[in-house]
Amino acid sequence: MHTSFILTLANDAYGLITYKAEVTGFKRDSLDRGMYDVTCKLMDYIERVQRRDNFKIKVSIPITACFEDVDYAAEIKDISASGVKIDTEALSEEGRVFDFMFEQESIPMHISAEILRCSLKENGLHEYGCRFILMTEEKEASIRRFVFRRQITQAANSQGFRRIGSQGQEHQEHQEDADPDHL
């Protein structure tokens, strides 16, 4: 039996934290067939995905942004509970406020953002780093859930997660016929 493994913990407050862990105890739970009690200790800290108060994720989400009563096509490039980075053809400047609609769980949210940073990209689009303004607690919580779910999905689709996950599945298949008291 493999006694060490990679453990990734996740929650809204800390994001994804990965440790190397070691199994210290293993017993079959007598209440439900196929369930095991496993105790482990954390050996080495490996990484924390985000070190920010508001975790951000890279995305590619098309939106329509309204700059001074004119609608422009835009794309969200990254998002957190406190702000967003967008690319658009719209010409604006630091300190300006614009509005856009963001859909979370099929519920449209109308959001206002203030431009904090501006840059012109090589492809001619303007990149704006923005902070959300006039946010309700509900909107902020909804965006936090969106970011957290995307973090989990991105981690689950990573090559390292699949490799370890497939080892676990292969190991589980070999252990089904084994006596758990001898592991």
C-alpha atoms as a PDB file:
ATOM      1  CA  MET A   1       0.000   0.000   0.000  1.00  0.00           C
ATOM      2  CA  HIS A   2       1.182   3.513  -0.784  1.00  0.00           C
ATOM      3  CA  THR A   3       1.531   5.379   2.488  1.00  0.00           C
ATOM      4  CA  SER A   4       2.217   8.855   1.121  1.00  0.00           C
ATOM      5  CA  PHE A   5      -0.006  10.911  -1.120  1.00  0.00           C
ATOM      6  CA  ILE A   6      -0.762  14.463  -2.199  1.00  0.00           C
ATOM      7  CA  LEU A   7      -3.627  16.130  -0.326  1.00  0.00           C
ATOM      8  CA  THR A   8      -5.299  19.288  -1.612  1.00  0.00           C
ATOM      9  CA  LEU A   9      -7.583  21.152   0.765  1.00  0.00           C
ATOM     10  CA  ALA A  10      -9.957  23.820  -0.474  1.00  0.00           C
ATOM     11  CA  ASN A  11     -12.265  26.425   0.989  1.00  0.00           C
ATOM     12  CA  ASP A  12     -13.545  29.934   0.302  1.00  0.00           C
ATOM     13  CA  ALA A  13     -11.160  31.622   2.741  1.00  0.00           C
ATOM     14  CA  TYR A  14      -7.829  30.053   1.751  1.00  0.00           C
ATOM     15  CA  GLY A  15      -8.234  28.727  -1.788  1.00  0.00           C
ATOM     16  CA  LEU A  16      -6.358  25.530  -2.640  1.00  0.00           C
ATOM     17  CA  ILE A  17      -3.547  24.365  -0.354  1.00  0.00           C
ATOM     18  CA  THR A  18      -1.528  21.273  -1.245  1.00  0.00           C
ATOM     19  CA  TYR A  19       0.426  19.093   1.186  1.00  0.00           C
ATOM     20  CA  LYS A  20       2.372  15.859   1.008  1.00  0.00           C
ATOM     21  CA  ALA A  21       0.672  13.564   3.520  1.00  0.00           C
ATOM     22  CA  GLU A  22       1.298  10.124   4.985  1.00  0.00           C
ATOM     23  CA  VAL A  23      -1.230   7.515   6.081  1.00  0.00           C
ATOM     24  CA  THR A  24      -0.850   6.749   9.786  1.00  0.00           C
ATOM     25  CA  GLY A  25      -3.896   4.537  10.303  1.00  0.00           C
ATOM     26  CA  PHE A  26      -6.281   2.569   8.174  1.00  0.00           C
ATOM     27  CA  LYS A  27      -9.342   0.551   9.195  1.00  0.00           C
ATOM     28  CA  ARG A  28     -12.515  -0.554   7.528  1.00  0.00           C
ATOM     29  CA  ASP A  29     -15.689   1.094   8.773  1.00  0.00           C
ATOM     30  CA  SER A  30     -18.074  -1.655   9.856  1.00  0.00           C
ATOM     31  CA  LEU A  31     -21.206   0.444   9.300  1.00  0.00           C
ATOM     32  CA  ASP A  32     -21.053   0.791   5.536  1.00  0.00           C
ATOM     33  CA  ARG A  33     -19.403  -1.696   3.163  1.00  0.00           C
ATOM     34  CA  GLY A  34     -16.598  -0.135   1.167  1.00  0.00           C
ATOM     35  CA  MET A  35     -15.950   2.753   3.550  1.00  0.00           C
ATOM     36  CA  TYR A  36     -12.646   3.153   5.354  1.00  0.00           C
ATOM     37  CA  ASP A  37     -11.389   5.317   8.196  1.00  0.00           C
ATOM     38  CA  VAL A  38      -8.020   6.738   7.254  1.00  0.00           C
ATOM     39  CA  THR A  39      -5.898   8.931   9.476  1.00  0.00           C
ATOM     40  CA  CYS A  40      -2.961  10.816   8.112  1.00  0.00           C
ATOM     41  CA  LYS A  41      -0.427  13.452   9.040  1.00  0.00           C
ATOM     42  CA  LEU A  42       0.644  16.368   6.909  1.00  0.00           C
ATOM     43  CA  MET A  43       4.328  15.990   6.076  1.00  0.00           C
ATOM     44  CA  ASP A  44       5.339  18.853   3.806  1.00  0.00           C
ATOM     45  CA  TYR A  45       3.629  21.984   2.605  1.00  0.00           C
ATOM     46  CA  ILE A  46       3.765  22.040  -1.204  1.00  0.00           C
ATOM     47  CA  GLU A  47       1.886  25.122  -2.400  1.00  0.00           C
ATOM     48  CA  ARG A  48      -0.991  27.499  -1.926  1.00  0.00           C
ATOM     49  CA  VAL A  49      -2.691  28.473  -5.159  1.00  0.00           C
ATOM     50  CA  GLN A  50      -3.573  32.019  -4.075  1.00  0.00           C
ATOM     51  CA  ARG A  51      -2.073  34.353  -1.483  1.00  0.00           C
ATOM     52  CA  ARG A  52      -4.670  37.099  -1.722  1.00  0.00           C
ATOM     53  CA  ASP A  53      -7.645  38.204   0.306  1.00  0.00           C
ATOM     54  CA  ASN A  54      -9.832  37.686  -2.765  1.00  0.00           C
ATOM     55  CA  PHE A  55      -8.736  34.807  -4.917  1.00  0.00           C
ATOM     56  CA  LYS A  56      -8.785  35.395  -8.647  1.00  0.00           C
ATOM     57  CA  ILE A  57      -8.968  33.021 -11.551  1.00  0.00           C
ATOM     58  CA  LYS A  58      -8.143  33.361 -15.211  1.00  0.00           C
ATOM     59  CA  VAL A  59     -11.234  33.048 -17.395  1.00  0.00           C
ATOM     60  CA  SER A  60     -12.443  33.943 -20.843  1.00  0.00           C
ATOM     61  CA  ILE A  61     -16.001  35.223 -20.513  1.00  0.00           C
ATOM     62  CA  PRO A  62     -17.551  37.450 -23.190  1.00  0.00           C
ATOM     63  CA  ILE A  63     -19.605  40.345 -21.831  1.00  0.00           C
ATOM     64  CA  THR A  64     -21.105  43.611 -23.003  1.00  0.00           C
ATOM     65  CA  ALA A  65     -19.713  46.590 -21.102  1.00  0.00           C
ATOM     66  CA  CYS A  66     -21.360  49.996 -21.099  1.00  0.00           C
ATOM     67  CA  PHE A  67     -18.911  52.908 -21.210  1.00  0.00           C
ATOM     68  CA  GLU A  68     -20.616  56.330 -21.092  1.00  0.00           C
ATOM     69  CA  ASP A  69     -23.932  54.993 -22.466  1.00  0.00           C
ATOM     70  CA  VAL A  70     -22.280  53.095 -25.341  1.00  0.00           C
ATOM     71  CA  ASP A  71     -22.191  49.275 -25.337  1.00  0.00           C
ATOM     72  CA  TYR A  72     -18.929  47.555 -26.286  1.00  0.00           C
ATOM     73  CA  ALA A  73     -17.994  43.903 -26.640  1.00  0.00           C
ATOM     74  CA  ALA A  74     -15.555  42.954 -23.900  1.00  0.00           C
ATOM     75  CA  GLU A  75     -14.011  39.856 -22.384  1.00  0.00           C
ATOM     76  CA  ILE A  76     -13.368  39.122 -18.718  1.00  0.00           C
ATOM     77  CA  LYS A  77      -9.777  37.830 -18.476  1.00  0.00           C
ATOM     78  CA  ASP A  78      -9.666  37.290 -14.709  1.00  0.00           C
ATOM     79  CA  ILE A  79     -12.106  37.813 -11.862  1.00  0.00           C
ATOM     80  CA  SER A  80     -12.156  37.887  -8.069  1.00  0.00           C
ATOM     81  CA  ALA A  81     -14.724  38.967  -5.487  1.00  0.00           C
ATOM     82  CA  SER A  82     -13.173  42.446  -5.482  1.00  0.00           C
ATOM     83  CA  GLY A  83     -12.539  43.112  -9.153  1.00  0.00           C
ATOM     84  CA  VAL A  84     -12.050  42.102 -12.734  1.00  0.00           C
ATOM     85  CA  LYS A  85      -9.621  42.457 -15.642  1.00  0.00           C
ATOM     86  CA  ILE A  86     -11.216  42.983 -19.034  1.00  0.00           C
ATOM     87  CA  ASP A  87     -10.129  43.440 -22.633  1.00  0.00           C
ATOM     88  CA  THR A  88     -12.208  45.690 -24.892  1.00  0.00           C
ATOM     89  CA  GLU A  89     -12.047  48.085 -27.830  1.00  0.00           C
ATOM     90  CA  ALA A  90     -13.594  50.832 -25.681  1.00  0.00           C
ATOM     91  CA  LEU A  91     -11.277  53.724 -24.936  1.00  0.00           C
ATOM     92  CA  SER A  92     -11.497  54.925 -21.346  1.00  0.00           C
ATOM     93  CA  GLU A  93      -9.206  56.086 -18.538  1.00  0.00           C
ATOM     94  CA  GLU A  94      -8.355  55.467 -14.898  1.00  0.00           C
ATOM     95  CA  GLY A  95     -11.072  56.542 -12.489  1.00  0.00           C
ATOM     96  CA  ARG A  96     -13.926  56.018 -14.965  1.00  0.00           C
ATOM     97  CA  VAL A  97     -16.842  53.789 -13.997  1.00  0.00           C
ATOM     98  CA  PHE A  98     -18.576  51.379 -16.356  1.00  0.00           C
ATOM     99  CA  ASP A  99     -21.328  48.798 -16.019  1.00  0.00           C
ATOM    100  CA  PHE A 100     -21.636  45.230 -17.235  1.00  0.00           C
ATOM    101  CA  MET A 101     -23.766  42.167 -16.700  1.00  0.00           C
ATOM    102  CA  PHE A 102     -22.246  38.985 -15.268  1.00  0.00           C
ATOM    103  CA  GLU A 103     -24.258  35.774 -15.185  1.00  0.00           C
ATOM    104  CA  GLN A 104     -23.714  33.468 -12.210  1.00  0.00           C
ATOM    105  CA  GLU A 105     -25.770  30.264 -11.884  1.00  0.00           C
ATOM    106  CA  SER A 106     -28.105  31.555 -14.644  1.00  0.00           C
ATOM    107  CA  ILE A 107     -28.830  34.690 -12.608  1.00  0.00           C
ATOM    108  CA  PRO A 108     -27.767  37.951 -14.249  1.00  0.00           C
ATOM    109  CA  MET A 109     -25.989  40.441 -11.982  1.00  0.00           C
ATOM    110  CA  HIS A 110     -25.555  44.049 -13.001  1.00  0.00           C
ATOM    111  CA  ILE A 111     -22.151  45.215 -11.787  1.00  0.00           C
ATOM    112  CA  SER A 112     -20.387  48.569 -11.725  1.00  0.00           C
ATOM    113  CA  ALA A 113     -16.601  48.759 -11.798  1.00  0.00           C
ATOM    114  CA  GLU A 114     -14.019  51.511 -11.549  1.00  0.00           C
ATOM    115  CA  ILE A 115     -10.957  51.390 -13.797  1.00  0.00           C
ATOM    116  CA  LEU A 116      -7.748  51.341 -11.728  1.00  0.00           C
ATOM    117  CA  ARG A 117      -5.189  50.455 -14.435  1.00  0.00           C
ATOM    118  CA  CYS A 118      -5.158  50.871 -18.207  1.00  0.00           C
ATOM    119  CA  SER A 119      -2.870  49.444 -20.847  1.00  0.00           C
ATOM    120  CA  LEU A 120      -2.948  49.070 -24.607  1.00  0.00           C
ATOM    121  CA  LYS A 121      -2.236  45.541 -25.804  1.00  0.00           C
ATOM    122  CA  GLU A 122      -0.365  44.609 -28.990  1.00  0.00           C
ATOM    123  CA  ASN A 123      -3.616  43.455 -30.598  1.00  0.00           C
ATOM    124  CA  GLY A 124      -5.085  46.966 -30.201  1.00  0.00           C
ATOM    125  CA  LEU A 125      -7.431  46.081 -27.343  1.00  0.00           C
ATOM    126  CA  HIS A 126      -7.453  48.024 -24.105  1.00  0.00           C
ATOM    127  CA  GLU A 127      -6.872  46.064 -20.929  1.00  0.00           C
ATOM    128  CA  TYR A 128      -8.490  47.461 -17.789  1.00  0.00           C
ATOM    129  CA  GLY A 129      -7.835  46.337 -14.232  1.00  0.00           C
ATOM    130  CA  CYS A 130     -10.934  47.279 -12.263  1.00  0.00           C
ATOM    131  CA  ARG A 131     -12.408  47.098  -8.797  1.00  0.00           C
ATOM    132  CA  PHE A 132     -16.074  46.475  -8.177  1.00  0.00           C
ATOM    133  CA  ILE A 133     -18.062  49.315  -6.638  1.00  0.00           C
ATOM    134  CA  LEU A 134     -21.484  49.393  -5.004  1.00  0.00           C
ATOM    135  CA  MET A 135     -21.402  45.629  -4.438  1.00  0.00           C
ATOM    136  CA  THR A 136     -24.000  43.952  -2.253  1.00  0.00           C
ATOM    137  CA  GLU A 137     -22.993  41.108   0.047  1.00  0.00           C
ATOM    138  CA  GLU A 138     -25.082  38.756  -2.099  1.00  0.00           C
ATOM    139  CA  LYS A 139     -23.274  39.718  -5.308  1.00  0.00           C
ATOM    140  CA  GLU A 140     -19.865  39.420  -3.662  1.00  0.00           C
ATOM    141  CA  ALA A 141     -20.758  36.006  -2.190  1.00  0.00           C
ATOM    142  CA  SER A 142     -22.036  34.841  -5.572  1.00  0.00           C
ATOM    143  CA  ILE A 143     -18.782  35.830  -7.280  1.00  0.00           C
ATOM    144  CA  ARG A 144     -16.744  34.142  -4.506  1.00  0.00           C
ATOM    145  CA  ARG A 145     -18.693  30.910  -5.128  1.00  0.00           C
ATOM    146  CA  PHE A 146     -18.097  31.231  -8.863  1.00  0.00           C
ATOM    147  CA  VAL A 147     -14.333  31.728  -8.337  1.00  0.00           C
ATOM    148  CA  PHE A 148     -14.134  28.859  -5.848  1.00  0.00           C
ATOM    149  CA  ARG A 149     -15.967  26.450  -8.182  1.00  0.00           C
ATOM    150  CA  ARG A 150     -13.723  27.429 -11.078  1.00  0.00           C
ATOM    151  CA  GLN A 151     -10.618  26.878  -8.903  1.00  0.00           C
ATOM    152  CA  ILE A 152     -11.817  23.391  -8.013  1.00  0.00           C
ATOM    153  CA  THR A 153     -12.617  22.598 -11.658  1.00  0.00           C
ATOM    154  CA  GLN A 154      -9.242  23.892 -12.860  1.00  0.00           C
ATOM    155  CA  ALA A 155      -7.412  21.904 -10.167  1.00  0.00           C
ATOM    156  CA  ALA A 156      -9.381  18.747 -10.976  1.00  0.00           C
ATOM    157  CA  ASN A 157      -8.487  19.124 -14.660  1.00  0.00           C
ATOM    158  CA  SER A 158      -4.786  19.669 -13.983  1.00  0.00           C
ATOM    159  CA  GLN A 159      -2.324  16.999 -15.084  1.00  0.00           C
ATOM    160  CA  GLY A 160      -1.027  16.447 -11.542  1.00  0.00           C
ATOM    161  CA  PHE A 161      -4.513  15.871 -10.169  1.00  0.00           C
ATOM    162  CA  ARG A 162      -5.368  13.356 -12.905  1.00  0.00           C
ATOM    163  CA  ARG A 163      -2.081  11.506 -12.381  1.00  0.00           C
ATOM    164  CA  ILE A 164      -2.602  11.163  -8.647  1.00  0.00           C
ATOM    165  CA  GLY A 165      -6.314  10.498  -9.097  1.00  0.00           C
ATOM    166  CA  SER A 166      -5.611   7.709 -11.579  1.00  0.00           C
ATOM    167  CA  GLN A 167      -3.039   6.170  -9.229  1.00  0.00           C
ATOM    168  CA  GLY A 168      -5.648   6.210  -6.493  1.00  0.00           C
ATOM    169  CA  GLN A 169      -8.226   4.526  -8.736  1.00  0.00           C
ATOM    170  CA  GLU A 170      -5.733   1.879  -9.869  1.00  0.00           C
ATOM    171  CA  HIS A 171      -4.662   1.311  -6.268  1.00  0.00           C
ATOM    172  CA  GLN A 172      -8.301   1.040  -5.178  1.00  0.00           C
ATOM    173  CA  GLU A 173      -9.037  -1.589  -7.847  1.00  0.00           C
ATOM    174  CA  HIS A 174      -6.085  -3.708  -6.661  1.00  0.00           C
ATOM    175  CA  GLN A 175      -7.148  -3.367  -3.036  1.00  0.00           C
ATOM    176  CA  GLU A 176     -10.772  -4.444  -3.480  1.00  0.00           C
ATOM    177  CA  ASP A 177      -9.867  -8.097  -3.041  1.00  0.00           C
ATOM    178  CA  ALA A 178      -7.318  -7.474  -0.307  1.00  0.00           C
ATOM    179  CA  ASP A 179      -8.054  -7.878   3.385  1.00  0.00           C
ATOM    180  CA  PRO A 180      -8.094  -4.286   4.767  1.00  0.00           C
ATOM    181  CA  ASP A 181      -6.914  -5.467   8.204  1.00  0.00           C
ATOM    182  CA  HIS A 182      -3.569  -6.418   6.645  1.00  0.00           C
ATOM    183  CA  LEU A 183      -2.981  -3.066   4.907  1.00  0.00           C
END
